Amino acid sequence: MRDGIVYEIMRLPLHPNRGTLGMKKTALKISALMLAAALTVGCANTAEIEATANKAAADAAAAVSAAEAARSAADRAAQAAAAAQSTADQALSAATEAQACCEANRESMERMFQQSMSK
């Protein structure tokens, strides 16, 4: 497209001896061709910019979706960790109670042994 415009500009008759009217017509033709070329290039660039903007918007939407999925997974992991901590706390409590019972039984057996030895 651009080569065609350059070719058209090169084909324009440039006759400096025709006077200012001829020069004005030639300048007007060149201006019209340059305007058409600029609009053509501008439209192509606008389409490219719009495509880039649409891709960026799609990428942003995908990033938001991925972030929401990651947050959901993190929330589930936090809930699982809280449940595991609760289970660990219950196990510690049961172990502490078992240790206390063991100590009480040992003391009781020690007293019984001492009583049997003293008789």
C-alpha atoms as a PDB file:
ATOM      1  CA  MET A   1       0.000   0.000   0.000  1.00  0.00           C
ATOM      2  CA  ARG A   2       2.752   2.402   0.944  1.00  0.00           C
ATOM      3  CA  ASP A   3       4.741   1.640  -2.211  1.00  0.00           C
ATOM      4  CA  GLY A   4       1.639   2.385  -4.284  1.00  0.00           C
ATOM      5  CA  ILE A   5       1.271   5.793  -2.647  1.00  0.00           C
ATOM      6  CA  VAL A   6       4.918   6.607  -3.239  1.00  0.00           C
ATOM      7  CA  TYR A   7       4.494   5.577  -6.877  1.00  0.00           C
ATOM      8  CA  GLU A   8       1.453   7.839  -7.234  1.00  0.00           C
ATOM      9  CA  ILE A   9       3.365  10.756  -5.757  1.00  0.00           C
ATOM     10  CA  MET A  10       6.219  10.126  -8.156  1.00  0.00           C
ATOM     11  CA  ARG A  11       3.783  10.108 -11.127  1.00  0.00           C
ATOM     12  CA  LEU A  12       2.412  13.538 -10.293  1.00  0.00           C
ATOM     13  CA  PRO A  13       3.399  16.101 -12.884  1.00  0.00           C
ATOM     14  CA  LEU A  14       5.609  18.737 -11.347  1.00  0.00           C
ATOM     15  CA  HIS A  15       5.913  21.656 -13.736  1.00  0.00           C
ATOM     16  CA  PRO A  16       7.397  24.682 -12.057  1.00  0.00           C
ATOM     17  CA  ASN A  17       6.913  26.713 -15.211  1.00  0.00           C
ATOM     18  CA  ARG A  18       3.097  26.349 -15.109  1.00  0.00           C
ATOM     19  CA  GLY A  19       2.845  29.032 -12.459  1.00  0.00           C
ATOM     20  CA  THR A  20       1.487  29.132  -8.951  1.00  0.00           C
ATOM     21  CA  LEU A  21      -1.874  27.604  -9.901  1.00  0.00           C
ATOM     22  CA  GLY A  22      -0.161  24.459 -11.182  1.00  0.00           C
ATOM     23  CA  MET A  23       2.017  24.324  -8.095  1.00  0.00           C
ATOM     24  CA  LYS A  24      -1.022  24.694  -5.853  1.00  0.00           C
ATOM     25  CA  LYS A  25      -2.844  21.888  -7.658  1.00  0.00           C
ATOM     26  CA  THR A  26       0.200  19.659  -7.386  1.00  0.00           C
ATOM     27  CA  ALA A  27       0.621  20.503  -3.710  1.00  0.00           C
ATOM     28  CA  LEU A  28      -3.079  19.798  -3.153  1.00  0.00           C
ATOM     29  CA  LYS A  29      -2.789  16.407  -4.877  1.00  0.00           C
ATOM     30  CA  ILE A  30       0.289  15.516  -2.824  1.00  0.00           C
ATOM     31  CA  SER A  31      -1.459  16.616   0.374  1.00  0.00           C
ATOM     32  CA  ALA A  32      -4.519  14.518  -0.457  1.00  0.00           C
ATOM     33  CA  LEU A  33      -2.376  11.446  -1.119  1.00  0.00           C
ATOM     34  CA  MET A  34      -0.383  12.003   2.083  1.00  0.00           C
ATOM     35  CA  LEU A  35      -3.602  12.387   4.068  1.00  0.00           C
ATOM     36  CA  ALA A  36      -4.953   9.148   2.603  1.00  0.00           C
ATOM     37  CA  ALA A  37      -1.685   7.395   3.438  1.00  0.00           C
ATOM     38  CA  ALA A  38      -1.689   8.764   6.982  1.00  0.00           C
ATOM     39  CA  LEU A  39      -5.286   7.689   7.539  1.00  0.00           C
ATOM     40  CA  THR A  40      -4.553   4.217   6.186  1.00  0.00           C
ATOM     41  CA  VAL A  41      -1.516   3.818   8.424  1.00  0.00           C
ATOM     42  CA  GLY A  42      -3.407   5.372  11.337  1.00  0.00           C
ATOM     43  CA  CYS A  43      -6.286   2.932  10.959  1.00  0.00           C
ATOM     44  CA  ALA A  44      -3.904  -0.015  10.851  1.00  0.00           C
ATOM     45  CA  ASN A  45      -2.156   1.233  13.980  1.00  0.00           C
ATOM     46  CA  THR A  46      -5.491   1.810  15.711  1.00  0.00           C
ATOM     47  CA  ALA A  47      -6.524  -1.771  14.973  1.00  0.00           C
ATOM     48  CA  GLU A  48      -3.214  -3.047  16.311  1.00  0.00           C
ATOM     49  CA  ILE A  49      -3.567  -0.926  19.432  1.00  0.00           C
ATOM     50  CA  GLU A  50      -7.120  -2.156  19.939  1.00  0.00           C
ATOM     51  CA  ALA A  51      -5.999  -5.777  19.521  1.00  0.00           C
ATOM     52  CA  THR A  52      -3.196  -5.216  22.030  1.00  0.00           C
ATOM     53  CA  ALA A  53      -5.625  -3.605  24.468  1.00  0.00           C
ATOM     54  CA  ASN A  54      -8.078  -6.489  24.094  1.00  0.00           C
ATOM     55  CA  LYS A  55      -5.282  -9.005  24.702  1.00  0.00           C
ATOM     56  CA  ALA A  56      -4.150  -7.069  27.765  1.00  0.00           C
ATOM     57  CA  ALA A  57      -7.716  -7.037  29.097  1.00  0.00           C
ATOM     58  CA  ALA A  58      -8.019 -10.788  28.535  1.00  0.00           C
ATOM     59  CA  ASP A  59      -4.668 -11.376  30.253  1.00  0.00           C
ATOM     60  CA  ALA A  60      -5.783  -9.220  33.188  1.00  0.00           C
ATOM     61  CA  ALA A  61      -9.039 -11.176  33.487  1.00  0.00           C
ATOM     62  CA  ALA A  62      -7.081 -14.438  33.466  1.00  0.00           C
ATOM     63  CA  ALA A  63      -4.754 -13.079  36.157  1.00  0.00           C
ATOM     64  CA  VAL A  64      -7.724 -12.070  38.315  1.00  0.00           C
ATOM     65  CA  SER A  65      -9.216 -15.535  37.887  1.00  0.00           C
ATOM     66  CA  ALA A  66      -5.910 -17.176  38.823  1.00  0.00           C
ATOM     67  CA  ALA A  67      -5.573 -14.911  41.867  1.00  0.00           C
ATOM     68  CA  GLU A  68      -9.088 -15.794  43.014  1.00  0.00           C
ATOM     69  CA  ALA A  69      -8.330 -19.508  42.610  1.00  0.00           C
ATOM     70  CA  ALA A  70      -5.085 -19.095  44.576  1.00  0.00           C
ATOM     71  CA  ARG A  71      -6.902 -17.232  47.344  1.00  0.00           C
ATOM     72  CA  SER A  72      -9.537 -19.968  47.522  1.00  0.00           C
ATOM     73  CA  ALA A  73      -6.809 -22.625  47.746  1.00  0.00           C
ATOM     74  CA  ALA A  74      -5.042 -20.619  50.456  1.00  0.00           C
ATOM     75  CA  ASP A  75      -8.293 -20.341  52.425  1.00  0.00           C
ATOM     76  CA  ARG A  76      -8.798 -24.113  52.193  1.00  0.00           C
ATOM     77  CA  ALA A  77      -5.197 -24.683  53.298  1.00  0.00           C
ATOM     78  CA  ALA A  78      -5.683 -22.345  56.267  1.00  0.00           C
ATOM     79  CA  GLN A  79      -8.834 -24.226  57.284  1.00  0.00           C
ATOM     80  CA  ALA A  80      -7.000 -27.555  57.004  1.00  0.00           C
ATOM     81  CA  ALA A  81      -4.117 -26.174  59.085  1.00  0.00           C
ATOM     82  CA  ALA A  82      -6.548 -24.943  61.748  1.00  0.00           C
ATOM     83  CA  ALA A  83      -8.204 -28.373  61.864  1.00  0.00           C
ATOM     84  CA  ALA A  84      -4.791 -30.058  62.151  1.00  0.00           C
ATOM     85  CA  GLN A  85      -3.805 -27.703  64.977  1.00  0.00           C
ATOM     86  CA  SER A  86      -7.040 -28.497  66.802  1.00  0.00           C
ATOM     87  CA  THR A  87      -6.375 -32.231  66.443  1.00  0.00           C
ATOM     88  CA  ALA A  88      -2.791 -31.760  67.670  1.00  0.00           C
ATOM     89  CA  ASP A  89      -4.038 -29.784  70.687  1.00  0.00           C
ATOM     90  CA  GLN A  90      -6.495 -32.576  71.532  1.00  0.00           C
ATOM     91  CA  ALA A  91      -3.729 -35.176  71.198  1.00  0.00           C
ATOM     92  CA  LEU A  92      -1.462 -33.150  73.501  1.00  0.00           C
ATOM     93  CA  SER A  93      -4.249 -32.867  76.051  1.00  0.00           C
ATOM     94  CA  ALA A  94      -4.891 -36.632  75.934  1.00  0.00           C
ATOM     95  CA  ALA A  95      -1.160 -37.353  76.270  1.00  0.00           C
ATOM     96  CA  THR A  96      -0.888 -35.005  79.248  1.00  0.00           C
ATOM     97  CA  GLU A  97      -3.850 -36.735  80.927  1.00  0.00           C
ATOM     98  CA  ALA A  98      -2.317 -40.159  80.223  1.00  0.00           C
ATOM     99  CA  GLN A  99       1.013 -39.043  81.691  1.00  0.00           C
ATOM    100  CA  ALA A 100      -0.732 -37.738  84.814  1.00  0.00           C
ATOM    101  CA  CYS A 101      -2.595 -41.032  85.184  1.00  0.00           C
ATOM    102  CA  CYS A 102       0.669 -42.950  84.725  1.00  0.00           C
ATOM    103  CA  GLU A 103       2.361 -40.854  87.410  1.00  0.00           C
ATOM    104  CA  ALA A 104      -0.582 -41.399  89.779  1.00  0.00           C
ATOM    105  CA  ASN A 105      -0.471 -45.175  89.189  1.00  0.00           C
ATOM    106  CA  ARG A 106       3.289 -45.257  89.747  1.00  0.00           C
ATOM    107  CA  GLU A 107       2.940 -43.348  93.022  1.00  0.00           C
ATOM    108  CA  SER A 108       0.135 -45.654  94.142  1.00  0.00           C
ATOM    109  CA  MET A 109       2.158 -48.763  93.314  1.00  0.00           C
ATOM    110  CA  GLU A 110       5.178 -47.280  95.087  1.00  0.00           C
ATOM    111  CA  ARG A 111       3.083 -46.680  98.223  1.00  0.00           C
ATOM    112  CA  MET A 112       1.667 -50.214  98.056  1.00  0.00           C
ATOM    113  CA  PHE A 113       5.186 -51.662  97.698  1.00  0.00           C
ATOM    114  CA  GLN A 114       6.428 -49.591 100.634  1.00  0.00           C
ATOM    115  CA  GLN A 115       3.493 -50.753 102.770  1.00  0.00           C
ATOM    116  CA  SER A 116       4.095 -54.405 101.875  1.00  0.00           C
ATOM    117  CA  MET A 117       7.784 -54.086 102.682  1.00  0.00           C
ATOM    118  CA  SER A 118       7.109 -52.456 106.040  1.00  0.00           C
ATOM    119  CA  LYS A 119       4.882 -55.318 107.248  1.00  0.00           C
END
